[in-house]
């Protein structure tokens, strides 16, 4: 085997090392004030600083990967398949409950939506993700209008933008409360707001 072949890292090893570095970075963020240095991450992951830079390019690149991974997990929850034949309101209240439980339980949620909320890295990713959420909400509400579960007078685009922002703000506020509201109670309260905005039964 040539020296060049020996130095080529197998794809699975690369993924495992990158995951190890990200896990170390997330631990530092949870333990601290939402900030980190590449040297800290390398030490905690037991790798060289150079290797951390090799995988992520910069601290911003590493933080971006963490934030993207968080929103990928969130999207997997809120976009999960739910029987489309169920009444729109029943289905979407269940989806809201799943989103609340995810944000309550994911260890990175308080960091990304709290301590890091005003950083450039979070702002850049959130700008894109927020638009995606509004588009999804608009399509979802539009489907409810077509099915007759939501009144024809509701504009899906306006309602989607308003509900997405209000829902996010309500959940973030609840997450900062001590003690936090029970997730079922919080879901019920936010759903009341959504039902009112869409003029459907609570």
N, C-alpha and C. Protein backbone atom coordinates (compact mmCIF):
# COMPACT_ATOMS: atom_id res chain seq x y z
N UNK A 1 0.85 -1.19 0.00
CA UNK A 1 0.00 0.00 0.00
C UNK A 1 0.89 1.24 0.00
N UNK A 2 0.55 2.22 -0.83
CA UNK A 2 1.35 3.43 -0.92
C UNK A 2 1.14 4.30 0.31
N UNK A 3 2.12 5.23 0.53
CA UNK A 3 1.99 6.16 1.65
C UNK A 3 0.74 7.01 1.50
N UNK A 4 0.40 7.35 0.24
CA UNK A 4 -0.78 8.18 0.02
C UNK A 4 -2.04 7.44 0.44
N UNK A 5 -2.11 6.14 0.12
CA UNK A 5 -3.28 5.35 0.49
C UNK A 5 -3.42 5.24 1.99
N UNK A 6 -2.26 5.15 2.68
CA UNK A 6 -2.30 5.02 4.14
C UNK A 6 -2.87 6.28 4.80
N UNK A 7 -2.66 7.43 4.19
CA UNK A 7 -3.06 8.68 4.83
C UNK A 7 -4.50 9.08 4.51
N UNK A 8 -5.12 8.37 3.55
CA UNK A 8 -6.51 8.68 3.22
C UNK A 8 -7.42 8.16 4.32
N UNK A 9 -8.21 9.06 4.87
CA UNK A 9 -9.08 8.68 5.97
C UNK A 9 -10.36 8.06 5.43
N UNK A 10 -10.75 6.92 5.99
CA UNK A 10 -11.97 6.27 5.56
C UNK A 10 -13.17 7.16 5.90
N UNK A 11 -14.21 7.15 5.04
CA UNK A 11 -15.38 8.01 5.26
C UNK A 11 -16.02 7.81 6.62
N UNK A 12 -16.14 6.54 7.08
CA UNK A 12 -16.79 6.31 8.36
C UNK A 12 -15.95 6.85 9.52
N UNK A 13 -14.61 6.79 9.39
CA UNK A 13 -13.75 7.36 10.42
C UNK A 13 -13.91 8.87 10.46
N UNK A 14 -14.02 9.46 9.30
CA UNK A 14 -14.18 10.91 9.21
C UNK A 14 -15.48 11.34 9.89
N UNK A 15 -16.55 10.63 9.61
CA UNK A 15 -17.85 10.95 10.22
C UNK A 15 -17.78 10.80 11.73
N UNK A 16 -17.15 9.72 12.19
CA UNK A 16 -17.06 9.46 13.63
C UNK A 16 -16.23 10.54 14.33
N UNK A 17 -15.12 10.93 13.72
CA UNK A 17 -14.28 11.95 14.33
C UNK A 17 -14.99 13.30 14.36
N UNK A 18 -15.66 13.64 13.26
CA UNK A 18 -16.40 14.89 13.20
C UNK A 18 -17.49 14.91 14.27
N UNK A 19 -18.20 13.78 14.42
CA UNK A 19 -19.26 13.68 15.43
C UNK A 19 -18.69 13.82 16.83
N UNK A 20 -17.52 13.24 17.06
CA UNK A 20 -16.87 13.34 18.37
C UNK A 20 -16.51 14.78 18.68
N UNK A 21 -16.01 15.49 17.69
CA UNK A 21 -15.64 16.90 17.88
C UNK A 21 -16.88 17.75 18.14
N UNK A 22 -17.95 17.49 17.39
CA UNK A 22 -19.19 18.25 17.60
C UNK A 22 -19.79 17.97 18.97
N UNK A 23 -19.72 16.71 19.41
CA UNK A 23 -20.24 16.36 20.74
C UNK A 23 -19.47 17.11 21.82
N UNK A 24 -18.16 17.21 21.66
CA UNK A 24 -17.34 17.96 22.62
C UNK A 24 -17.72 19.43 22.61
N UNK A 25 -17.93 19.98 21.42
CA UNK A 25 -18.31 21.39 21.30
C UNK A 25 -19.65 21.65 21.95
N UNK A 26 -20.61 20.76 21.73
CA UNK A 26 -21.94 20.94 22.34
C UNK A 26 -21.85 20.88 23.86
N UNK A 27 -21.02 19.98 24.39
CA UNK A 27 -20.85 19.87 25.84
C UNK A 27 -20.29 21.17 26.41
N UNK A 28 -19.32 21.76 25.73
CA UNK A 28 -18.73 23.02 26.19
C UNK A 28 -19.77 24.13 26.16
N UNK A 29 -20.58 24.17 25.12
CA UNK A 29 -21.63 25.20 25.02
C UNK A 29 -22.64 25.04 26.14
N UNK A 30 -23.02 23.82 26.47
CA UNK A 30 -24.00 23.59 27.53
C UNK A 30 -23.42 23.95 28.90
N UNK A 31 -22.14 23.69 29.08
CA UNK A 31 -21.51 23.94 30.39
C UNK A 31 -21.17 25.41 30.60
N UNK A 32 -20.99 26.14 29.51
CA UNK A 32 -20.55 27.53 29.61
C UNK A 32 -21.65 28.53 29.35
N UNK A 33 -21.29 29.62 28.71
CA UNK A 33 -22.21 30.71 28.45
C UNK A 33 -22.56 30.82 26.96
N UNK A 34 -22.50 29.72 26.27
CA UNK A 34 -22.86 29.74 24.86
C UNK A 34 -21.72 30.13 23.95
N UNK A 35 -20.47 30.03 24.42
CA UNK A 35 -19.32 30.36 23.59
C UNK A 35 -18.27 29.28 23.78
N UNK A 36 -17.34 29.22 22.84
CA UNK A 36 -16.28 28.23 22.93
C UNK A 36 -15.08 28.68 22.10
N UNK A 37 -13.96 28.02 22.33
CA UNK A 37 -12.76 28.23 21.53
C UNK A 37 -12.35 26.88 20.94
N UNK A 38 -11.75 26.91 19.78
CA UNK A 38 -11.38 25.67 19.12
C UNK A 38 -10.40 24.86 19.97
N UNK A 39 -9.54 25.53 20.71
CA UNK A 39 -8.58 24.81 21.56
C UNK A 39 -9.30 24.03 22.66
N UNK A 40 -10.38 24.61 23.20
CA UNK A 40 -11.18 23.91 24.21
C UNK A 40 -11.80 22.66 23.63
N UNK A 41 -12.35 22.81 22.45
CA UNK A 41 -13.03 21.68 21.80
C UNK A 41 -12.03 20.56 21.51
N UNK A 42 -10.88 20.93 20.97
CA UNK A 42 -9.86 19.93 20.64
C UNK A 42 -9.43 19.17 21.88
N UNK A 43 -9.23 19.89 22.97
CA UNK A 43 -8.80 19.24 24.21
C UNK A 43 -9.86 18.28 24.72
N UNK A 44 -11.12 18.72 24.70
CA UNK A 44 -12.20 17.88 25.21
C UNK A 44 -12.43 16.66 24.33
N UNK A 45 -12.24 16.84 23.02
CA UNK A 45 -12.43 15.73 22.08
C UNK A 45 -11.19 14.86 21.95
N UNK A 46 -10.08 15.29 22.59
CA UNK A 46 -8.81 14.58 22.53
C UNK A 46 -8.30 14.45 21.10
N UNK A 47 -8.36 15.58 20.39
CA UNK A 47 -7.80 15.64 19.03
C UNK A 47 -6.95 16.89 18.94
N UNK A 48 -6.23 17.04 17.85
CA UNK A 48 -5.42 18.24 17.67
C UNK A 48 -6.31 19.40 17.22
N UNK A 49 -5.88 20.61 17.52
CA UNK A 49 -6.61 21.80 17.08
C UNK A 49 -6.67 21.82 15.56
N UNK A 50 -5.57 21.39 14.94
CA UNK A 50 -5.52 21.36 13.48
C UNK A 50 -6.60 20.47 12.88
N UNK A 51 -6.88 19.34 13.54
CA UNK A 51 -7.90 18.42 13.03
C UNK A 51 -9.28 19.06 13.14
N UNK A 52 -9.53 19.77 14.23
CA UNK A 52 -10.82 20.46 14.39
C UNK A 52 -11.00 21.49 13.28
N UNK A 53 -9.95 22.22 12.97
CA UNK A 53 -10.02 23.20 11.89
C UNK A 53 -10.18 22.50 10.54
N UNK A 54 -9.54 21.34 10.41
CA UNK A 54 -9.61 20.59 9.15
C UNK A 54 -11.05 20.21 8.82
N UNK A 55 -11.80 19.80 9.84
CA UNK A 55 -13.17 19.35 9.61
C UNK A 55 -14.15 20.51 9.44
N UNK A 56 -13.95 21.59 10.19
CA UNK A 56 -14.96 22.64 10.23
C UNK A 56 -14.49 24.00 9.72
N UNK A 57 -13.21 24.13 9.45
CA UNK A 57 -12.70 25.35 8.85
C UNK A 57 -12.48 26.50 9.80
N UNK A 58 -13.41 26.70 10.73
CA UNK A 58 -13.32 27.81 11.67
C UNK A 58 -14.29 27.57 12.81
N UNK A 59 -14.21 28.42 13.82
CA UNK A 59 -15.17 28.33 14.92
C UNK A 59 -16.58 28.57 14.41
N UNK A 60 -16.73 29.54 13.51
CA UNK A 60 -18.05 29.82 12.93
C UNK A 60 -18.59 28.61 12.18
N UNK A 61 -17.69 27.91 11.47
CA UNK A 61 -18.11 26.72 10.76
C UNK A 61 -18.59 25.64 11.69
N UNK A 62 -17.91 25.50 12.82
CA UNK A 62 -18.30 24.50 13.81
C UNK A 62 -19.65 24.85 14.44
N UNK A 63 -19.81 26.11 14.81
CA UNK A 63 -21.07 26.55 15.40
C UNK A 63 -22.21 26.40 14.40
N UNK A 64 -21.93 26.72 13.15
CA UNK A 64 -22.95 26.56 12.11
C UNK A 64 -23.40 25.12 11.98
N UNK A 65 -22.45 24.18 12.08
CA UNK A 65 -22.78 22.76 11.99
C UNK A 65 -23.66 22.32 13.16
N UNK A 66 -23.36 22.84 14.34
CA UNK A 66 -24.16 22.51 15.53
C UNK A 66 -25.57 23.05 15.39
N UNK A 67 -25.69 24.29 14.94
CA UNK A 67 -27.00 24.92 14.80
C UNK A 67 -27.82 24.23 13.72
N UNK A 68 -27.17 23.90 12.59
CA UNK A 68 -27.87 23.20 11.52
C UNK A 68 -28.37 21.83 11.99
N UNK A 69 -27.53 21.12 12.75
CA UNK A 69 -27.92 19.80 13.25
C UNK A 69 -29.13 19.91 14.18
N UNK A 70 -29.16 20.96 15.00
CA UNK A 70 -30.30 21.18 15.89
C UNK A 70 -31.58 21.38 15.09
N UNK A 71 -31.52 22.25 14.08
CA UNK A 71 -32.72 22.52 13.30
C UNK A 71 -33.12 21.32 12.43
N UNK A 72 -32.16 20.50 12.05
CA UNK A 72 -32.51 19.26 11.34
C UNK A 72 -33.31 18.34 12.26
N UNK A 73 -32.89 18.25 13.52
CA UNK A 73 -33.64 17.43 14.49
C UNK A 73 -35.04 18.00 14.70
N UNK A 74 -35.11 19.31 14.81
CA UNK A 74 -36.41 19.97 15.02
C UNK A 74 -37.34 19.73 13.82
N UNK A 75 -36.81 19.91 12.62
CA UNK A 75 -37.62 19.72 11.42
C UNK A 75 -38.12 18.29 11.29
N UNK A 76 -37.28 17.33 11.72
CA UNK A 76 -37.69 15.92 11.65
C UNK A 76 -38.92 15.68 12.53
N UNK A 77 -39.01 16.42 13.62
CA UNK A 77 -40.15 16.29 14.54
C UNK A 77 -41.39 16.99 13.97
N UNK A 78 -41.24 18.25 13.58
CA UNK A 78 -42.42 19.00 13.14
C UNK A 78 -42.90 18.59 11.75
N UNK A 79 -42.04 17.92 10.97
CA UNK A 79 -42.46 17.46 9.64
C UNK A 79 -42.82 15.99 9.62
N UNK A 80 -42.91 15.38 10.81
CA UNK A 80 -43.20 13.96 10.86
C UNK A 80 -44.56 13.64 10.22
N UNK A 81 -44.67 12.45 9.70
CA UNK A 81 -45.92 12.03 9.06
C UNK A 81 -47.00 11.83 10.11
N UNK A 82 -48.14 12.46 9.87
CA UNK A 82 -49.33 12.24 10.69
C UNK A 82 -50.47 11.99 9.72
N UNK A 83 -51.27 11.00 9.98
CA UNK A 83 -52.36 10.59 9.09
C UNK A 83 -53.12 11.81 8.55
N UNK A 84 -53.05 12.05 7.24
CA UNK A 84 -53.69 13.23 6.67
C UNK A 84 -55.22 13.20 6.73
N UNK A 85 -55.79 12.03 7.01
CA UNK A 85 -57.25 11.93 7.07
C UNK A 85 -57.80 12.41 8.41
N UNK A 86 -56.92 12.60 9.40
CA UNK A 86 -57.36 13.12 10.69
C UNK A 86 -57.76 14.58 10.52
N UNK A 87 -58.74 15.03 11.28
CA UNK A 87 -59.15 16.43 11.26
C UNK A 87 -57.92 17.33 11.38
N UNK A 88 -57.87 18.39 10.57
CA UNK A 88 -56.69 19.27 10.51
C UNK A 88 -56.30 19.78 11.89
N UNK A 89 -57.27 20.25 12.66
CA UNK A 89 -56.97 20.81 13.97
C UNK A 89 -56.41 19.78 14.94
N UNK A 90 -56.97 18.58 14.92
CA UNK A 90 -56.48 17.51 15.80
C UNK A 90 -55.05 17.14 15.41
N UNK A 91 -54.83 17.02 14.11
CA UNK A 91 -53.50 16.65 13.62
C UNK A 91 -52.46 17.70 13.98
N UNK A 92 -52.79 18.97 13.76
CA UNK A 92 -51.80 20.02 13.99
C UNK A 92 -51.57 20.32 15.47
N UNK A 93 -52.57 20.07 16.30
CA UNK A 93 -52.33 20.23 17.73
C UNK A 93 -51.35 19.14 18.20
N UNK A 94 -51.47 17.94 17.64
CA UNK A 94 -50.53 16.86 17.97
C UNK A 94 -49.13 17.24 17.50
N UNK A 95 -49.02 17.87 16.34
CA UNK A 95 -47.72 18.29 15.82
C UNK A 95 -47.12 19.37 16.72
N UNK A 96 -47.96 20.28 17.19
CA UNK A 96 -47.50 21.34 18.10
C UNK A 96 -46.99 20.73 19.40
N UNK A 97 -47.69 19.76 19.93
CA UNK A 97 -47.27 19.11 21.16
C UNK A 97 -45.91 18.45 20.98
N UNK A 98 -45.70 17.82 19.83
CA UNK A 98 -44.41 17.18 19.56
C UNK A 98 -43.30 18.22 19.49
N UNK A 99 -43.58 19.39 18.91
CA UNK A 99 -42.58 20.45 18.82
C UNK A 99 -42.23 20.98 20.21
N UNK A 100 -43.23 21.19 21.05
CA UNK A 100 -42.99 21.67 22.41
C UNK A 100 -42.14 20.66 23.19
N UNK A 101 -42.50 19.40 23.11
CA UNK A 101 -41.75 18.37 23.83
C UNK A 101 -40.31 18.29 23.34
N UNK A 102 -40.12 18.42 22.03
CA UNK A 102 -38.76 18.40 21.50
C UNK A 102 -37.94 19.55 22.07
N UNK A 103 -38.48 20.76 22.03
CA UNK A 103 -37.73 21.92 22.50
C UNK A 103 -37.50 21.88 24.00
N UNK A 104 -38.41 21.27 24.74
CA UNK A 104 -38.22 21.11 26.18
C UNK A 104 -37.11 20.11 26.49
N UNK A 105 -36.97 19.09 25.64
CA UNK A 105 -36.09 17.96 25.96
C UNK A 105 -34.74 17.98 25.26
N UNK A 106 -34.62 18.66 24.12
CA UNK A 106 -33.34 18.68 23.43
C UNK A 106 -32.35 19.53 24.23
N UNK A 107 -31.20 18.98 24.60
CA UNK A 107 -30.27 19.73 25.46
C UNK A 107 -29.68 20.98 24.82
N UNK A 108 -29.72 21.07 23.49
CA UNK A 108 -29.16 22.25 22.83
C UNK A 108 -30.19 23.36 22.64
N UNK A 109 -31.46 23.06 22.84
CA UNK A 109 -32.49 24.08 22.62
C UNK A 109 -32.30 25.33 23.49
N UNK A 110 -32.06 25.18 24.81
CA UNK A 110 -31.88 26.38 25.63
C UNK A 110 -30.63 27.19 25.24
N UNK A 111 -29.65 26.51 24.68
CA UNK A 111 -28.41 27.19 24.28
C UNK A 111 -28.63 27.97 22.99
N UNK A 112 -29.15 27.30 21.99
CA UNK A 112 -29.31 27.93 20.67
C UNK A 112 -30.41 28.98 20.68
N UNK A 113 -31.51 28.70 21.39
CA UNK A 113 -32.62 29.66 21.42
C UNK A 113 -32.49 30.65 22.57
N UNK A 114 -31.52 30.41 23.45
CA UNK A 114 -31.33 31.30 24.60
C UNK A 114 -30.00 32.01 24.58
N UNK A 115 -28.96 31.34 25.11
CA UNK A 115 -27.65 31.95 25.25
C UNK A 115 -27.05 32.42 23.92
N UNK A 116 -27.30 31.66 22.86
CA UNK A 116 -26.69 31.98 21.57
C UNK A 116 -27.64 32.71 20.63
N UNK A 117 -28.83 33.02 21.09
CA UNK A 117 -29.89 33.51 20.20
C UNK A 117 -29.50 34.74 19.40
N UNK A 118 -28.65 35.60 19.97
CA UNK A 118 -28.33 36.86 19.30
C UNK A 118 -26.96 36.84 18.62
N UNK A 119 -26.36 35.67 18.51
CA UNK A 119 -25.06 35.59 17.83
C UNK A 119 -25.26 35.62 16.31
N UNK A 120 -24.22 36.02 15.61
CA UNK A 120 -24.31 36.08 14.15
C UNK A 120 -24.58 34.71 13.54
N UNK A 121 -23.98 33.66 14.15
CA UNK A 121 -24.14 32.32 13.61
C UNK A 121 -25.60 31.86 13.67
N UNK A 122 -26.22 32.06 14.84
CA UNK A 122 -27.62 31.66 14.99
C UNK A 122 -28.52 32.51 14.11
N UNK A 123 -28.27 33.82 14.08
CA UNK A 123 -29.10 34.72 13.28
C UNK A 123 -29.08 34.33 11.80
N UNK A 124 -27.90 33.97 11.30
CA UNK A 124 -27.77 33.62 9.88
C UNK A 124 -28.56 32.35 9.56
N UNK A 125 -28.44 31.33 10.41
CA UNK A 125 -29.14 30.07 10.17
C UNK A 125 -30.64 30.26 10.39
N UNK A 126 -31.00 30.98 11.46
CA UNK A 126 -32.41 31.15 11.78
C UNK A 126 -33.15 31.91 10.69
N UNK A 127 -32.48 32.86 10.06
CA UNK A 127 -33.13 33.63 9.00
C UNK A 127 -33.64 32.70 7.91
N UNK A 128 -32.78 31.75 7.51
CA UNK A 128 -33.16 30.79 6.48
C UNK A 128 -34.21 29.81 6.99
N UNK A 129 -33.97 29.27 8.18
CA UNK A 129 -34.89 28.27 8.73
C UNK A 129 -36.27 28.87 9.01
N UNK A 130 -36.30 30.13 9.47
CA UNK A 130 -37.58 30.77 9.78
C UNK A 130 -38.42 30.90 8.51
N UNK A 131 -37.78 31.27 7.41
CA UNK A 131 -38.51 31.37 6.14
C UNK A 131 -39.04 30.01 5.72
N UNK A 132 -38.25 28.96 5.96
CA UNK A 132 -38.70 27.60 5.63
C UNK A 132 -39.93 27.23 6.46
N UNK A 133 -39.90 27.60 7.75
CA UNK A 133 -41.02 27.29 8.64
C UNK A 133 -42.29 28.02 8.21
N UNK A 134 -42.13 29.29 7.79
CA UNK A 134 -43.29 30.05 7.32
C UNK A 134 -43.87 29.42 6.06
N UNK A 135 -43.00 29.01 5.15
CA UNK A 135 -43.47 28.35 3.92
C UNK A 135 -44.22 27.06 4.24
N UNK A 136 -43.68 26.28 5.20
CA UNK A 136 -44.34 25.04 5.58
C UNK A 136 -45.70 25.33 6.21
N UNK A 137 -45.75 26.34 7.10
CA UNK A 137 -47.00 26.70 7.76
C UNK A 137 -48.03 27.19 6.74
N UNK A 138 -47.57 27.96 5.77
CA UNK A 138 -48.46 28.47 4.73
C UNK A 138 -49.08 27.33 3.93
N UNK A 139 -48.24 26.36 3.53
CA UNK A 139 -48.75 25.20 2.79
C UNK A 139 -49.71 24.38 3.64
N UNK A 140 -49.36 24.22 4.91
CA UNK A 140 -50.16 23.42 5.81
C UNK A 140 -51.54 24.05 6.02
N UNK A 141 -51.55 25.35 6.26
CA UNK A 141 -52.83 26.06 6.45
C UNK A 141 -53.63 26.04 5.15
N UNK A 142 -52.93 26.19 4.03
CA UNK A 142 -53.61 26.12 2.74
C UNK A 142 -54.31 24.80 2.53
N UNK A 143 -53.66 23.71 2.98
CA UNK A 143 -54.29 22.40 2.84
C UNK A 143 -55.53 22.30 3.72
N UNK A 144 -55.47 22.93 4.91
CA UNK A 144 -56.64 22.94 5.79
C UNK A 144 -57.80 23.72 5.20
N UNK A 145 -57.48 24.81 4.51
CA UNK A 145 -58.52 25.60 3.85
C UNK A 145 -59.18 24.78 2.74
N UNK A 146 -58.36 24.10 1.93
CA UNK A 146 -58.88 23.30 0.82
C UNK A 146 -59.75 22.16 1.32
N UNK A 147 -59.39 21.59 2.46
CA UNK A 147 -60.16 20.48 3.03
C UNK A 147 -61.46 20.95 3.66
N UNK A 148 -61.56 22.25 3.91
CA UNK A 148 -62.75 22.77 4.57
C UNK A 148 -62.65 22.78 6.08
N UNK A 149 -61.47 22.42 6.63
CA UNK A 149 -61.28 22.44 8.08
C UNK A 149 -61.01 23.85 8.59
N UNK A 150 -60.57 24.73 7.68
CA UNK A 150 -60.30 26.13 8.01
C UNK A 150 -61.13 26.99 7.06
N UNK A 151 -61.64 28.09 7.58
CA UNK A 151 -62.51 28.95 6.79
C UNK A 151 -61.85 29.49 5.53
N UNK A 152 -62.64 29.64 4.48
CA UNK A 152 -62.14 30.13 3.20
C UNK A 152 -61.64 31.57 3.28
N UNK A 153 -62.06 32.31 4.30
CA UNK A 153 -61.65 33.71 4.42
C UNK A 153 -60.24 33.87 4.97
N UNK A 154 -59.61 32.80 5.40
CA UNK A 154 -58.26 32.86 5.98
C UNK A 154 -57.22 32.89 4.87
N UNK A 155 -56.30 33.84 4.93
CA UNK A 155 -55.19 33.93 3.98
C UNK A 155 -54.04 33.09 4.53
N UNK A 156 -53.69 31.97 3.89
CA UNK A 156 -52.65 31.09 4.43
C UNK A 156 -51.31 31.77 4.64
N UNK A 157 -50.90 32.66 3.73
CA UNK A 157 -49.59 33.31 3.84
C UNK A 157 -49.52 34.22 5.06
N UNK A 158 -50.55 35.02 5.27
CA UNK A 158 -50.57 35.93 6.43
C UNK A 158 -50.66 35.12 7.71
N UNK A 159 -51.56 34.15 7.73
CA UNK A 159 -51.73 33.33 8.94
C UNK A 159 -50.47 32.53 9.24
N UNK A 160 -49.83 31.99 8.20
CA UNK A 160 -48.62 31.20 8.40
C UNK A 160 -47.51 32.00 9.03
N UNK A 161 -47.29 33.23 8.53
CA UNK A 161 -46.23 34.09 9.09
C UNK A 161 -46.55 34.49 10.52
N UNK A 162 -47.81 34.87 10.77
CA UNK A 162 -48.19 35.33 12.11
C UNK A 162 -48.10 34.21 13.13
N UNK A 163 -48.58 33.04 12.78
CA UNK A 163 -48.59 31.92 13.72
C UNK A 163 -47.19 31.41 13.99
N UNK A 164 -46.35 31.35 12.95
CA UNK A 164 -44.97 30.87 13.14
C UNK A 164 -44.23 31.76 14.14
N UNK A 165 -44.34 33.07 13.97
CA UNK A 165 -43.65 33.99 14.87
C UNK A 165 -44.19 33.94 16.29
N UNK A 166 -45.52 33.91 16.42
CA UNK A 166 -46.13 33.89 17.75
C UNK A 166 -45.84 32.59 18.48
N UNK A 167 -45.89 31.48 17.76
CA UNK A 167 -45.62 30.17 18.37
C UNK A 167 -44.18 30.11 18.89
N UNK A 168 -43.25 30.56 18.06
CA UNK A 168 -41.84 30.54 18.46
C UNK A 168 -41.61 31.42 19.68
N UNK A 169 -42.19 32.62 19.66
CA UNK A 169 -42.02 33.53 20.78
C UNK A 169 -42.60 32.98 22.07
N UNK A 170 -43.77 32.35 21.98
CA UNK A 170 -44.41 31.79 23.16
C UNK A 170 -43.61 30.65 23.76
N UNK A 171 -43.10 29.76 22.91
CA UNK A 171 -42.33 28.63 23.40
C UNK A 171 -41.00 29.10 24.01
N UNK A 172 -40.33 30.05 23.35
CA UNK A 172 -39.07 30.56 23.88
C UNK A 172 -39.26 31.21 25.24
N UNK A 173 -40.34 31.98 25.38
CA UNK A 173 -40.61 32.62 26.67
C UNK A 173 -40.85 31.57 27.74
N UNK A 174 -41.61 30.54 27.42
CA UNK A 174 -41.91 29.48 28.39
C UNK A 174 -40.65 28.74 28.80
N UNK A 175 -39.74 28.53 27.85
CA UNK A 175 -38.51 27.81 28.16
C UNK A 175 -37.62 28.57 29.13
N UNK A 176 -37.77 29.89 29.17
CA UNK A 176 -36.97 30.70 30.09
C UNK A 176 -37.60 30.85 31.46
N UNK A 177 -38.81 30.36 31.64
CA UNK A 177 -39.50 30.49 32.92
C UNK A 177 -39.02 29.43 33.92
N UNK A 178 -39.08 29.78 35.18
CA UNK A 178 -38.73 28.84 36.26
C UNK A 178 -39.85 28.84 37.30
N UNK A 179 -40.56 27.71 37.43
CA UNK A 179 -40.44 26.50 36.60
C UNK A 179 -41.11 26.69 35.24
N UNK A 180 -40.74 25.85 34.32
CA UNK A 180 -41.38 25.90 33.01
C UNK A 180 -42.83 25.42 33.12
N UNK A 181 -43.70 25.98 32.29
CA UNK A 181 -45.08 25.46 32.27
C UNK A 181 -45.09 24.01 31.81
N UNK A 182 -46.05 23.25 32.28
CA UNK A 182 -46.22 21.88 31.82
C UNK A 182 -46.39 21.91 30.29
N UNK A 183 -45.71 21.01 29.57
CA UNK A 183 -45.79 21.06 28.10
C UNK A 183 -47.21 20.92 27.56
N UNK A 184 -48.04 20.13 28.22
CA UNK A 184 -49.43 19.96 27.76
C UNK A 184 -50.21 21.27 27.93
N UNK A 185 -49.97 21.95 29.05
CA UNK A 185 -50.65 23.22 29.30
C UNK A 185 -50.17 24.29 28.32
N UNK A 186 -48.85 24.32 28.10
CA UNK A 186 -48.29 25.28 27.14
C UNK A 186 -48.86 25.03 25.74
N UNK A 187 -48.91 23.76 25.35
CA UNK A 187 -49.47 23.41 24.04
C UNK A 187 -50.91 23.89 23.93
N UNK A 188 -51.69 23.67 24.97
CA UNK A 188 -53.10 24.06 24.97
C UNK A 188 -53.24 25.57 24.82
N UNK A 189 -52.38 26.32 25.51
CA UNK A 189 -52.45 27.78 25.44
C UNK A 189 -52.08 28.28 24.05
N UNK A 190 -50.98 27.75 23.52
CA UNK A 190 -50.55 28.20 22.18
C UNK A 190 -51.57 27.77 21.14
N UNK A 191 -52.13 26.56 21.30
CA UNK A 191 -53.12 26.12 20.34
C UNK A 191 -54.37 27.01 20.38
N UNK A 192 -54.71 27.52 21.54
CA UNK A 192 -55.82 28.45 21.62
C UNK A 192 -55.59 29.68 20.76
N UNK A 193 -54.34 30.18 20.78
CA UNK A 193 -53.98 31.32 19.95
C UNK A 193 -54.08 30.98 18.47
N UNK A 194 -53.58 29.80 18.11
CA UNK A 194 -53.62 29.37 16.70
C UNK A 194 -55.07 29.19 16.24
N UNK A 195 -55.88 28.53 17.07
CA UNK A 195 -57.28 28.31 16.72
C UNK A 195 -58.00 29.63 16.53
N UNK A 196 -57.69 30.60 17.38
CA UNK A 196 -58.32 31.92 17.25
C UNK A 196 -57.91 32.61 15.96
N UNK A 197 -56.63 32.51 15.62
CA UNK A 197 -56.12 33.15 14.40
C UNK A 197 -56.75 32.53 13.15
N UNK A 198 -57.03 31.23 13.22
CA UNK A 198 -57.58 30.53 12.06
C UNK A 198 -59.10 30.42 12.11
N UNK A 199 -59.69 30.93 13.17
CA UNK A 199 -61.15 30.92 13.32
C UNK A 199 -61.70 29.51 13.25
N UNK A 200 -61.04 28.60 14.03
CA UNK A 200 -61.54 27.23 14.11
C UNK A 200 -61.80 26.91 15.58
N UNK A 201 -62.47 25.78 15.82
CA UNK A 201 -62.77 25.38 17.19
C UNK A 201 -61.48 25.07 17.93
N UNK A 202 -61.42 25.50 19.21
CA UNK A 202 -60.22 25.28 20.02
C UNK A 202 -59.97 23.80 20.19
